[in-house]
Protein backbone atom coordinates (compact mmCIF):
# COMPACT_ATOMS: atom_id res chain seq x y z
CA MET A 1 0.05 0.05 0.20
CA ASP A 2 1.51 3.05 -1.06
CA ARG A 3 0.15 6.58 0.42
CA ILE A 4 -1.13 9.33 -2.11
CA LEU A 5 -0.95 12.79 -1.61
CA THR A 6 -2.81 16.03 -3.00
CA PRO A 7 -0.40 19.16 -3.64
CA LYS A 8 -1.81 20.45 -0.51
CA GLN A 9 -0.84 17.93 1.33
CA MET A 10 2.59 17.68 -0.21
CA LYS A 11 3.11 21.24 0.68
CA GLN A 12 2.26 20.72 4.46
CA ALA A 13 4.68 17.65 4.31
CA GLU A 14 7.48 20.35 3.21
CA GLU A 15 6.29 22.66 6.07
CA ALA A 16 6.40 20.12 8.57
CA SER A 17 9.84 18.96 7.76
CA VAL A 18 11.20 22.52 8.43
CA ARG A 19 9.82 22.10 11.79
CA LEU A 20 11.35 18.96 11.85
CA GLY A 21 14.69 19.97 11.20
CA VAL A 22 15.26 19.63 7.61
CA THR A 23 14.99 22.72 5.46
CA LEU A 24 13.26 23.22 2.07
CA SER A 25 17.00 24.13 0.50
CA GLU A 26 17.97 20.68 1.67
CA LEU A 27 14.58 18.88 0.41
CA MET A 28 15.40 20.34 -3.03
CA ASP A 29 19.32 19.78 -3.11
CA ASN A 30 17.63 15.95 -2.42
CA ALA A 31 15.25 16.12 -4.93
CA GLY A 32 17.12 17.65 -7.65
CA GLU A 33 19.99 14.93 -7.16
CA ALA A 34 17.49 12.16 -7.11
CA PHE A 35 16.38 13.42 -10.34
CA GLY A 36 19.76 13.50 -11.66
CA ARG A 37 20.78 10.40 -10.91
CA GLU A 38 17.69 8.75 -12.58
CA ILE A 39 18.52 10.63 -15.66
CA LEU A 40 22.55 9.73 -15.25
CA SER A 41 21.85 5.97 -14.49
CA PHE A 42 19.46 6.08 -18.26
CA ALA A 43 22.02 8.23 -19.92
CA ILE A 44 25.05 6.13 -19.33
CA GLY A 45 23.20 2.81 -20.10
CA LYS A 46 22.38 3.97 -23.59
CA MET A 47 25.44 6.02 -24.00
CA LEU A 48 23.59 9.64 -24.40
CA ARG A 49 25.10 12.86 -23.83
CA LYS A 50 22.67 15.28 -25.47
CA ILE A 51 20.52 15.90 -22.37
CA VAL A 52 18.49 19.39 -22.40
CA PHE A 53 17.00 20.36 -19.37
CA LEU A 54 13.78 22.67 -19.88
CA VAL A 55 13.26 24.64 -16.36
CA GLY A 56 10.22 26.75 -14.97
CA SER A 57 10.80 30.12 -12.86
CA GLY A 58 9.57 28.33 -9.37
CA ASN A 59 10.69 25.75 -7.18
CA ASN A 60 10.38 23.09 -10.04
CA GLY A 61 12.60 24.70 -12.07
CA GLY A 62 14.97 24.75 -8.87
CA ASP A 63 14.97 21.05 -8.78
CA GLY A 64 16.10 21.17 -12.47
CA PHE A 65 18.73 23.63 -11.51
CA VAL A 66 20.16 21.15 -9.01
CA ALA A 67 19.86 17.79 -11.09
CA ALA A 68 21.72 19.67 -14.27
CA ASP A 69 24.40 21.05 -12.10
CA PHE A 70 24.94 17.13 -10.87
CA LEU A 71 25.10 15.68 -14.17
CA SER A 72 27.82 18.34 -14.96
CA LYS A 73 29.74 17.63 -11.96
CA SER A 74 29.57 13.92 -12.89
CA GLY A 75 30.85 14.02 -16.31
CA VAL A 76 27.86 14.64 -18.43
CA THR A 77 27.11 18.31 -19.24
CA PRO A 78 23.35 19.13 -20.02
CA THR A 79 21.90 22.34 -21.42
CA VAL A 80 19.59 24.29 -19.88
CA VAL A 81 16.37 26.18 -21.24
CA LEU A 82 14.66 28.99 -19.39
CA MET A 83 11.10 28.55 -20.39
CA CYS A 84 9.29 30.84 -18.00
CA GLY A 85 12.89 33.19 -17.74
CA GLU A 86 15.04 33.93 -14.68
CA PRO A 87 13.96 32.02 -11.62
CA GLU A 88 11.58 34.06 -9.17
CA THR A 89 11.76 32.05 -5.73
CA GLU A 90 14.55 32.24 -3.42
CA LEU A 91 15.41 28.76 -3.23
CA ALA A 92 15.03 28.58 -7.55
CA LYS A 93 17.30 31.58 -7.50
CA ALA A 94 20.01 30.26 -5.44
CA ALA A 95 20.18 26.98 -7.15
CA PHE A 96 20.90 28.94 -10.33
CA LYS A 97 23.57 30.97 -8.97
CA LYS A 98 25.15 27.41 -7.98
CA LEU A 99 25.16 26.21 -11.59
CA ASP A 100 28.23 24.61 -13.00
CA SER A 101 29.71 27.68 -15.13
CA ASP A 102 30.15 24.79 -18.11
CA ILE A 103 26.34 24.69 -18.37
CA LYS A 104 25.10 26.28 -21.39
CA VAL A 105 22.10 28.14 -20.49
CA ILE A 106 19.40 29.79 -22.96
CA ASP A 107 15.87 31.33 -23.26
CA CYS A 108 13.31 29.40 -25.14
CA GLY A 109 12.85 32.42 -27.05
CA SER A 110 16.52 32.59 -28.46
CA ASP A 111 17.47 31.43 -32.30
CA GLU A 112 19.31 28.02 -30.96
CA PHE A 113 16.25 26.59 -29.06
CA HIS A 114 14.76 24.90 -31.94
CA ASP A 115 18.29 23.18 -32.78
CA ILE A 116 18.97 22.80 -29.06
CA ILE A 117 15.68 20.74 -28.97
CA ASP A 118 15.98 18.95 -32.89
CA ASN A 119 19.44 17.85 -31.20
CA ALA A 120 18.31 16.77 -27.59
CA GLU A 121 18.73 12.63 -26.58
CA ILE A 122 16.97 13.04 -23.35
CA ILE A 123 14.77 16.19 -22.85
CA ALA A 124 14.16 16.44 -18.84
CA ASP A 125 11.03 18.43 -17.82
CA CYS A 126 11.38 20.72 -14.70
CA VAL A 127 8.85 23.83 -15.86
CA PHE A 128 5.78 23.09 -13.87
CA GLY A 129 5.53 21.30 -10.64
CA THR A 130 2.77 19.87 -8.44
CA GLY A 131 0.63 22.88 -7.72
CA PHE A 132 0.04 24.17 -11.53
CA HIS A 133 -3.63 24.15 -12.20
CA GLY A 134 -5.51 25.59 -15.44
CA GLU A 135 -3.80 25.80 -18.66
CA ILE A 136 0.08 26.48 -19.90
CA ALA A 137 -0.01 29.97 -21.31
CA PRO A 138 -0.44 30.86 -25.19
CA ALA A 139 3.51 32.01 -24.93
CA LEU A 140 4.51 29.06 -24.01
CA LEU A 141 2.07 26.56 -25.74
CA LYS A 142 4.05 26.67 -29.21
CA SER A 143 7.41 26.22 -27.45
CA PHE A 144 5.75 23.02 -25.81
CA GLU A 145 3.95 21.54 -28.81
CA TYR A 146 7.60 21.99 -30.69
CA ILE A 147 9.29 19.87 -27.79
CA GLY A 148 6.45 17.42 -28.01
CA LYS A 149 7.33 16.64 -31.51
CA SER A 150 10.71 15.41 -30.41
CA LEU A 151 11.82 11.65 -30.27
CA ALA A 152 13.82 11.96 -27.50
CA TYR A 153 13.64 9.87 -24.04
CA LYS A 154 11.33 12.64 -22.17
CA ILE A 155 11.63 12.38 -17.99
CA ALA A 156 9.37 14.89 -15.72
CA CYS A 157 10.49 16.38 -12.72
CA ASP A 158 7.64 15.42 -9.92
CA CYS A 159 5.12 15.32 -12.67
CA PRO A 160 4.68 16.53 -16.58
CA SER A 161 4.65 20.13 -16.82
CA GLY A 162 0.66 20.85 -17.32
CA VAL A 163 -0.65 18.20 -15.24
CA ASN A 164 -2.65 19.17 -12.41
CA CYS A 165 -1.96 16.94 -9.52
CA HIS A 166 -5.04 17.14 -7.71
CA ASN A 167 -7.67 16.04 -10.43
CA GLY A 168 -5.61 14.38 -13.13
CA GLN A 169 -6.64 16.67 -15.79
CA VAL A 170 -3.90 17.87 -18.26
CA SER A 171 -3.62 21.18 -20.23
CA ALA A 172 -2.94 21.47 -24.15
CA GLY A 173 0.91 20.89 -24.81
CA THR A 174 1.69 18.92 -21.68
CA LEU A 175 4.59 16.44 -22.62
CA ASN A 176 4.07 12.67 -22.99
CA CYS A 177 6.76 11.60 -20.91
CA VAL A 178 8.16 8.20 -20.61
CA LYS A 179 9.29 8.38 -17.14
CA THR A 180 8.09 10.60 -13.96
CA VAL A 181 10.20 10.61 -10.93
CA THR A 182 8.16 11.90 -8.06
CA PHE A 183 9.62 13.28 -4.71
CA HIS A 184 8.20 11.42 -1.14
CA CYS A 185 4.55 10.32 -1.94
CA LEU A 186 2.73 9.52 -5.19
CA LYS A 187 0.60 12.72 -6.23
CA ALA A 188 -3.17 12.09 -6.23
CA GLY A 189 -3.56 13.22 -9.69
CA LEU A 190 -0.72 10.86 -11.42
CA LEU A 191 -3.39 7.94 -10.80
CA PHE A 192 -6.13 9.63 -12.79
CA HIS A 193 -6.99 10.09 -16.23
CA PRO A 194 -6.02 11.51 -18.53
CA ALA A 195 -2.67 12.64 -16.76
CA ARG A 196 -1.90 9.00 -15.87
CA ASP A 197 -1.29 8.25 -19.83
CA PHE A 198 1.33 11.25 -19.62
CA CYS A 199 3.30 9.83 -16.79
CA GLY A 200 4.78 7.23 -18.20
CA GLU A 201 6.49 4.58 -15.62
CA ILE A 202 6.20 6.55 -12.18
CA THR A 203 9.28 6.60 -9.45
CA VAL A 204 9.33 7.49 -5.87
CA ARG A 205 12.07 8.76 -4.57
CA THR A 206 12.46 9.87 -1.14
CA ILE A 207 13.96 13.48 -0.29
CA GLY A 208 14.61 13.18 3.52
CA ILE A 209 10.99 14.67 4.94
CA PRO A 210 11.48 13.38 8.59
CA ASP A 211 9.22 10.88 9.92
CA GLY A 212 6.35 12.26 11.77
CA TRP A 213 5.54 14.52 9.16
CA ASP A 214 2.40 13.34 8.84
CA ASP A 215 0.53 13.47 12.10
CA GLY A 216 -2.96 14.95 11.58
CA ILE A 217 -3.11 15.20 8.03
CA THR A 218 -6.12 14.57 6.64
CA PRO A 219 -7.37 12.49 4.47
CA VAL A 220 -5.46 9.52 4.68
CA ILE A 221 -5.15 8.46 0.74
CA GLU A 222 -3.88 5.27 -0.08
CA ASP A 223 -3.34 3.23 -3.46
CA LYS A 224 -4.49 -0.11 -3.29
CA LEU A 225 -2.56 -3.21 -4.75
CA LYS A 226 -4.01 -6.75 -5.70
CA ALA A 227 -1.71 -8.24 -3.35
CA GLU A 228 -2.98 -6.58 -0.68
CA ILE A 229 -6.51 -7.23 -1.73
CA THR A 230 -6.77 -10.77 -2.38
CA PRO A 231 -6.38 -11.61 1.14
CA LEU A 232 -9.62 -9.89 1.85
CA LEU A 233 -11.66 -12.66 0.52
CA PRO A 234 -13.37 -14.03 2.86
CA LYS A 235 -12.59 -17.90 4.15
CA ARG A 236 -14.93 -20.74 3.31
CA CYS A 237 -14.30 -23.74 5.92
CA ARG A 238 -15.48 -26.97 5.06
CA ASN A 239 -18.00 -27.21 8.13
CA SER A 240 -20.50 -24.80 6.69
CA HIS A 241 -23.73 -24.03 5.08
CA LYS A 242 -25.58 -21.63 3.03
CA GLY A 243 -26.43 -19.71 6.10
CA THR A 244 -22.90 -19.28 7.06
CA PHE A 245 -22.15 -17.40 3.73
CA GLY A 246 -25.11 -14.34 4.47
CA LYS A 247 -27.97 -14.03 2.68
CA LEU A 248 -28.38 -10.66 0.29
CA MET A 249 -31.53 -9.02 -0.56
CA LEU A 250 -31.84 -7.59 -3.80
CA ILE A 251 -34.48 -4.87 -4.71
CA CYS A 252 -33.59 -4.45 -7.88
CA GLY A 253 -35.41 -4.69 -11.82
CA SER A 254 -38.19 -3.57 -13.66
CA GLU A 255 -40.09 -4.65 -16.88
CA LYS A 256 -37.61 -1.66 -18.50
CA TYR A 257 -34.67 -3.30 -17.18
CA MET A 258 -35.18 -6.59 -16.70
CA GLY A 259 -31.58 -7.20 -17.19
CA ALA A 260 -30.06 -4.97 -14.36
CA ALA A 261 -31.47 -7.33 -11.74
CA GLY A 262 -30.44 -10.27 -13.29
CA ILE A 263 -26.63 -9.73 -13.71
CA CYS A 264 -26.75 -8.04 -10.36
CA GLY A 265 -27.99 -11.31 -8.71
CA LYS A 266 -25.84 -13.90 -11.14
CA SER A 267 -22.20 -11.94 -9.96
CA ALA A 268 -23.58 -12.02 -6.42
CA LEU A 269 -24.56 -15.86 -7.01
CA LYS A 270 -21.13 -16.42 -8.47
CA SER A 271 -19.16 -14.78 -5.68
CA GLY A 272 -19.95 -17.02 -2.82
CA VAL A 273 -23.05 -15.35 -0.86
CA GLY A 274 -25.31 -18.06 0.53
CA ILE A 275 -28.72 -17.28 -0.33
CA VAL A 276 -30.00 -14.39 -3.01
CA ASN A 277 -33.12 -13.52 -2.90
CA LEU A 278 -34.60 -11.07 -5.64
CA CYS A 279 -37.22 -8.76 -4.96
CA THR A 280 -38.59 -7.49 -8.33
CA PRO A 281 -41.96 -7.39 -10.40
CA LYS A 282 -43.56 -10.79 -10.75
CA SER A 283 -43.16 -10.60 -14.37
CA VAL A 284 -39.51 -9.74 -13.66
CA ALA A 285 -39.07 -12.71 -11.50
CA GLU A 286 -40.92 -15.19 -14.31
CA ALA A 287 -38.45 -14.19 -17.13
CA LEU A 288 -35.17 -14.51 -14.56
CA VAL A 289 -36.04 -17.92 -13.06
CA PRO A 290 -34.57 -19.66 -15.95
CA PHE A 291 -31.45 -18.13 -15.75
CA MET A 292 -30.81 -17.61 -12.05
CA PRO A 293 -32.65 -21.06 -10.43
CA GLU A 294 -30.16 -20.79 -7.76
CA SER A 295 -31.57 -17.76 -6.47
CA THR A 296 -34.86 -17.51 -4.67
CA PHE A 297 -37.39 -14.60 -5.91
CA THR A 298 -40.18 -12.78 -3.84
CA PRO A 299 -42.70 -11.30 -6.52
CA LEU A 300 -43.37 -7.85 -5.88
CA THR A 301 -46.80 -5.93 -7.17
CA ALA A 302 -45.79 -3.55 -9.98
CA ASP A 303 -47.66 -0.65 -11.92
CA GLU A 304 -48.94 -0.56 -15.16
CA ASN A 305 -45.40 0.56 -16.16
CA GLY A 306 -43.98 -2.07 -14.79
CA PHE A 307 -42.24 -0.68 -11.77
CA ILE A 308 -42.49 -1.56 -8.06
CA THR A 309 -44.75 0.38 -6.04
CA ALA A 310 -44.93 1.71 -2.32
CA VAL A 311 -47.67 -0.65 -1.40
CA ASN A 312 -44.72 -3.58 -1.03
CA THR A 313 -42.88 -1.74 1.63
CA PRO A 314 -44.15 -3.28 4.74
CA TYR A 315 -43.70 -7.02 3.46
CA LEU A 316 -39.84 -5.60 2.50
CA LYS A 317 -39.22 -4.40 5.80
CA THR A 318 -39.91 -7.90 7.22
CA LEU A 319 -37.93 -9.98 4.59
CA ALA A 320 -34.57 -7.21 5.29
CA ASN A 321 -35.32 -8.05 8.94
CA GLY A 322 -33.49 -11.42 7.98
CA CYS A 323 -30.95 -10.40 5.66
CA SER A 324 -27.35 -9.72 5.67
CA ALA A 325 -26.93 -7.19 2.92
CA ILE A 326 -29.48 -5.54 0.49
CA VAL A 327 -28.56 -3.85 -2.51
CA ILE A 328 -31.24 -1.57 -4.09
CA GLY A 329 -31.69 0.03 -7.08
CA CYS A 330 -30.35 -1.84 -10.49
CA GLY A 331 -32.82 -1.47 -13.34
CA LEU A 332 -35.35 -0.23 -10.01
CA GLY A 333 -36.41 2.52 -12.25
CA VAL A 334 -37.35 6.50 -10.83
CA THR A 335 -41.09 7.12 -9.73
CA ASP A 336 -42.39 8.21 -6.70
CA ASP A 337 -43.34 4.85 -5.21
CA THR A 338 -39.69 3.74 -5.85
CA LYS A 339 -38.44 6.96 -4.05
CA ALA A 340 -40.71 5.54 -1.21
CA VAL A 341 -39.38 2.39 -1.27
CA VAL A 342 -35.76 3.43 -1.46
CA PHE A 343 -36.43 5.89 1.75
CA ASP A 344 -38.24 2.95 3.68
CA VAL A 345 -35.46 0.74 3.40
CA ILE A 346 -32.90 3.62 4.03
CA LYS A 347 -34.68 4.21 7.36
CA ASN A 348 -35.60 0.72 8.90
CA ALA A 349 -33.14 -1.90 7.96
CA LYS A 350 -30.42 -2.99 9.93
CA CYS A 351 -28.21 -4.35 7.73
CA VAL A 352 -25.50 -3.15 5.40
CA ILE A 353 -27.26 -1.01 2.57
CA ILE A 354 -25.74 -0.75 -0.94
CA ILE A 355 -27.41 1.83 -3.03
CA ASP A 356 -26.62 1.77 -6.92
CA ALA A 357 -27.85 3.11 -10.12
CA ASP A 358 -31.62 4.32 -9.66
CA GLY A 359 -31.40 3.83 -5.84
CA ILE A 360 -29.04 6.73 -6.22
CA ASN A 361 -31.30 8.26 -8.48
CA CYS A 362 -34.24 8.48 -6.41
CA LEU A 363 -31.86 9.30 -2.99
CA SER A 364 -30.38 12.21 -4.87
CA GLU A 365 -33.08 15.08 -4.72
CA HIS A 366 -34.06 13.55 -0.80
CA ILE A 367 -30.31 13.18 0.30
CA ASP A 368 -31.03 13.99 3.70
CA VAL A 369 -32.80 10.96 4.72
CA LEU A 370 -29.33 9.31 5.31
CA GLU A 371 -29.35 11.23 8.25
CA GLU A 372 -32.18 8.77 9.38
CA LYS A 373 -30.23 5.73 8.72
CA GLN A 374 -29.72 2.59 11.22
CA ALA A 375 -27.41 0.50 8.84
CA GLU A 376 -24.28 1.38 7.48
CA ILE A 377 -24.85 2.27 3.55
CA ILE A 378 -22.45 2.09 0.95
CA LEU A 379 -23.31 4.38 -2.28
CA THR A 380 -21.71 3.63 -5.89
CA PRO A 381 -21.97 6.40 -7.88
CA HIS A 382 -20.48 6.79 -11.38
CA PRO A 383 -19.41 10.53 -12.13
CA ALA A 384 -22.82 11.88 -13.15
CA GLU A 385 -24.53 9.97 -9.84
CA LEU A 386 -22.20 11.85 -7.90
CA ALA A 387 -22.58 15.47 -9.21
CA ARG A 388 -26.75 14.58 -8.65
CA LEU A 389 -25.65 13.37 -4.89
CA CYS A 390 -23.51 16.75 -4.06
CA GLY A 391 -25.93 19.05 -6.37
CA VAL A 392 -22.99 20.30 -8.49
CA SER A 393 -22.19 19.64 -11.83
CA VAL A 394 -20.60 16.78 -13.88
CA ASP A 395 -17.52 19.16 -14.59
CA GLU A 396 -17.27 20.64 -11.04
CA VAL A 397 -17.45 16.87 -9.96
CA LEU A 398 -14.84 15.90 -12.25
CA SER A 399 -12.55 18.99 -10.91
CA ASP A 400 -12.27 17.38 -7.48
CA ARG A 401 -13.66 13.62 -7.62
CA LEU A 402 -11.45 12.73 -4.47
CA GLY A 403 -13.04 16.14 -2.89
CA TYR A 404 -16.72 15.40 -3.89
CA ALA A 405 -16.57 11.91 -2.63
CA SER A 406 -14.62 12.23 0.52
CA SER A 407 -17.01 15.44 1.45
CA LEU A 408 -20.13 13.10 0.69
CA ALA A 409 -18.60 10.11 2.56
CA LYS A 410 -18.07 12.27 5.83
CA LYS A 411 -20.90 14.66 5.67
CA TYR A 412 -23.66 11.56 5.91
CA GLY A 413 -21.50 8.54 7.47
CA VAL A 414 -21.34 6.63 4.70
CA THR A 415 -19.19 4.71 2.19
CA VAL A 416 -18.90 5.97 -1.25
CA HIS A 417 -17.59 3.76 -4.16
CA ALA A 418 -17.13 7.09 -6.46
CA LYS A 419 -16.63 4.55 -9.66
CA GLY A 420 -14.42 5.53 -12.74
CA VAL A 421 -11.30 4.24 -14.76
CA GLN A 422 -9.61 5.06 -11.65
CA THR A 423 -12.01 4.43 -8.66
CA ILE A 424 -12.19 6.08 -5.16
CA THR A 425 -13.36 4.51 -2.01
CA ALA A 426 -14.30 7.51 0.99
CA THR A 427 -14.85 6.49 4.15
CA ALA A 428 -16.92 8.43 7.09
CA ASN A 429 -13.58 9.10 8.52
CA GLY A 430 -12.32 10.93 5.74
CA ASN A 431 -9.69 8.42 4.54
CA ALA A 432 -9.87 7.09 0.65
CA PHE A 433 -8.42 4.60 -1.08
CA ILE A 434 -7.43 4.66 -5.14
CA THR A 435 -8.20 1.31 -7.32
CA ASP A 436 -6.75 0.80 -10.84
CA PHE A 437 -8.23 -2.49 -12.32
CA GLY A 438 -9.63 -2.79 -15.34
CA ASN A 439 -9.97 -1.88 -19.08
CA SER A 440 -12.29 -0.75 -21.85
CA ALA A 441 -14.55 -3.62 -21.68
CA LEU A 442 -16.11 -2.91 -18.45
CA ALA A 443 -17.09 0.49 -20.60
CA LYS A 444 -20.39 -1.23 -21.50
CA GLY A 445 -24.33 -1.50 -19.58
CA GLY A 446 -24.35 -3.99 -17.04
CA SER A 447 -20.68 -3.33 -15.44
CA GLY A 448 -22.20 -1.30 -12.36
CA ASP A 449 -25.03 -3.63 -11.83
CA LEU A 450 -22.06 -6.36 -11.69
CA LEU A 451 -20.28 -4.44 -9.23
CA ALA A 452 -23.24 -3.97 -7.03
CA GLY A 453 -23.84 -7.74 -7.08
CA LEU A 454 -20.13 -8.36 -6.31
CA ILE A 455 -20.19 -5.68 -3.20
CA GLY A 456 -23.61 -7.11 -1.88
CA SER A 457 -22.03 -10.37 -1.92
CA PHE A 458 -19.24 -9.74 -0.01
CA SER A 459 -20.80 -7.37 2.64
CA ALA A 460 -23.34 -10.26 3.63
CA GLN A 461 -20.62 -12.57 3.79
CA GLY A 462 -19.37 -10.38 6.51
CA VAL A 463 -16.55 -8.33 4.82
CA SER A 464 -16.51 -4.43 5.97
CA PRO A 465 -18.09 -1.85 3.28
CA VAL A 466 -15.01 -0.53 2.34
CA ASP A 467 -13.03 -3.80 1.95
CA ALA A 468 -16.03 -5.15 0.04
CA CYS A 469 -15.63 -2.07 -2.32
CA ILE A 470 -12.06 -2.94 -3.40
CA LEU A 471 -12.57 -6.33 -3.27
CA ALA A 472 -14.96 -6.12 -5.43
CA ASP A 473 -13.44 -3.39 -7.76
CA CYS A 474 -10.19 -5.45 -8.13
CA LEU A 475 -12.24 -8.80 -9.06
CA MET A 476 -14.20 -7.31 -11.49
CA GLY A 477 -11.05 -5.38 -12.94
CA THR A 478 -8.92 -8.35 -12.83
CA ALA A 479 -11.70 -10.74 -14.30
CA ALA A 480 -12.07 -8.84 -17.29
CA GLU A 481 -8.38 -8.28 -17.90
CA LYS A 482 -7.81 -11.86 -18.09
CA LEU A 483 -10.35 -12.13 -20.66
CA SER A 484 -8.78 -9.59 -22.59
CA ASN A 485 -5.94 -12.09 -23.04
CA GLY A 486 -7.65 -13.93 -25.44
CA LEU A 487 -10.98 -12.13 -26.37
CA SER A 488 -11.54 -8.35 -28.02
CA VAL A 489 -11.94 -5.81 -25.46
CA ARG A 490 -14.70 -4.76 -27.72
CA SER A 491 -16.94 -7.81 -27.37
CA ILE A 492 -16.48 -8.88 -24.14
CA LEU A 493 -19.68 -8.06 -22.29
CA ALA A 494 -20.96 -8.06 -18.17
CA GLY A 495 -22.41 -11.58 -18.40
CA ASP A 496 -18.84 -12.97 -19.93
CA ILE A 497 -16.85 -11.43 -16.70
CA ILE A 498 -19.70 -13.08 -14.40
CA GLU A 499 -18.95 -16.24 -16.04
CA ASN A 500 -15.14 -16.02 -15.86
CA LEU A 501 -15.08 -15.59 -12.05
CA PRO A 502 -14.95 -18.66 -10.73
CA TYR A 503 -11.67 -18.96 -12.61
CA GLU A 504 -10.60 -15.94 -11.58
CA LEU A 505 -11.20 -16.95 -7.96
CA TRP A 506 -9.73 -20.25 -8.23
CA LEU A 507 -6.47 -18.25 -8.97
CA TRP A 508 -6.94 -15.72 -5.88
CA GLU A 509 -7.59 -18.87 -3.87
CA ASN A 510 -4.44 -20.70 -5.09
CA GLU A 511 -2.23 -17.78 -5.31
């Protein structure tokens, strides 16, 4: 598990370092030397000597000056290009003054600029650091676009210039780097797309920030790796029965969205839960019985359009008393009656509740009902659903998905599993976990229903809400990845992934 920092937290780490006796100048020296060593190692291995440093006017440029000086003293003298004029911060100015006199320094507006870029074998990007946001200024954009056409090996200092290290957005002109050397800890934005595609291989190097710097720093954000996730899989002793592995209640489906209920139920059945009870309109139950005979069914009264009605709430309340977990929302539809059912479940259920899809859409206009919950709740929104829950636009959510998911989780005391290419699981205590499994095979209808069934299954088997989310995300993603080894991602469906779950789980159990 790797600790991940936001740009704000990295600044706090540096400030704490000073309080603990390590100066910012020492940190810059350590960062610059670490970056220089990475470049030197690659240059020697490939016998390359034409190295160009692109430096900005801030402290990222200061790291570049230190790295360039280190290379020159090591026998490989680079060229330094000032992309934003003379250094402006005190640290960068001091580092600039220490540059080896043999190093050639030019401005990006000089006549030599294009020739230097054309002949470069390695380009080190030290222009903008982790505090960058917005767009590269038009005056610099042409230079960045020209550099981007170079075939030189591009390596970034802390982050590729133009990347927002908080949300992963990128500016036009951002360089596509083969490697990024970041310092102390991973930065959250480097893990999110589209920034992830510009970073290449990411290496973290320590720079001497003392232990204890993070006392009281929240939220704690961590990157969950598969090796840490597979042990979360519930153990299965031989002396067991179906009740041992929990009872999952699904309040899902409508005549319009039968498949969602079926996908959710089948993924739950394939991932180890003891009993699945699908509560759905009678017509949906009759249609799905041949496809999931291992499930039990509770036919519900539906309206003329095939959506369940609020008349079912007393019966559902009674059924919920004997369950280990409830999934509500997949294919449910959004009507006044389905809203009433969702609200009643939230107010009365005593077991873990997973609210997905239309369950979230029913909740979004009356989200304060979460304050009346009696059990732990997991919300599984995609970006548009997260925006509805938070009462903001999708663009606002995408500008700070981590922040919105964490705020929602903390405000209502729930677990928020914010789905995306990289998924964020935010907890009520302010911590967050980032997972990155799967591929574009999952970019199809049904994937969310599949995931909801897995989370429900693991929750019913006694896994904690946050671990159930992380476990489900990893299982679905790795199953999709394995299938893609021999099948086109274009053609893989949620049903194919469900059928592959037994093989993927077998591999986990026998690793």
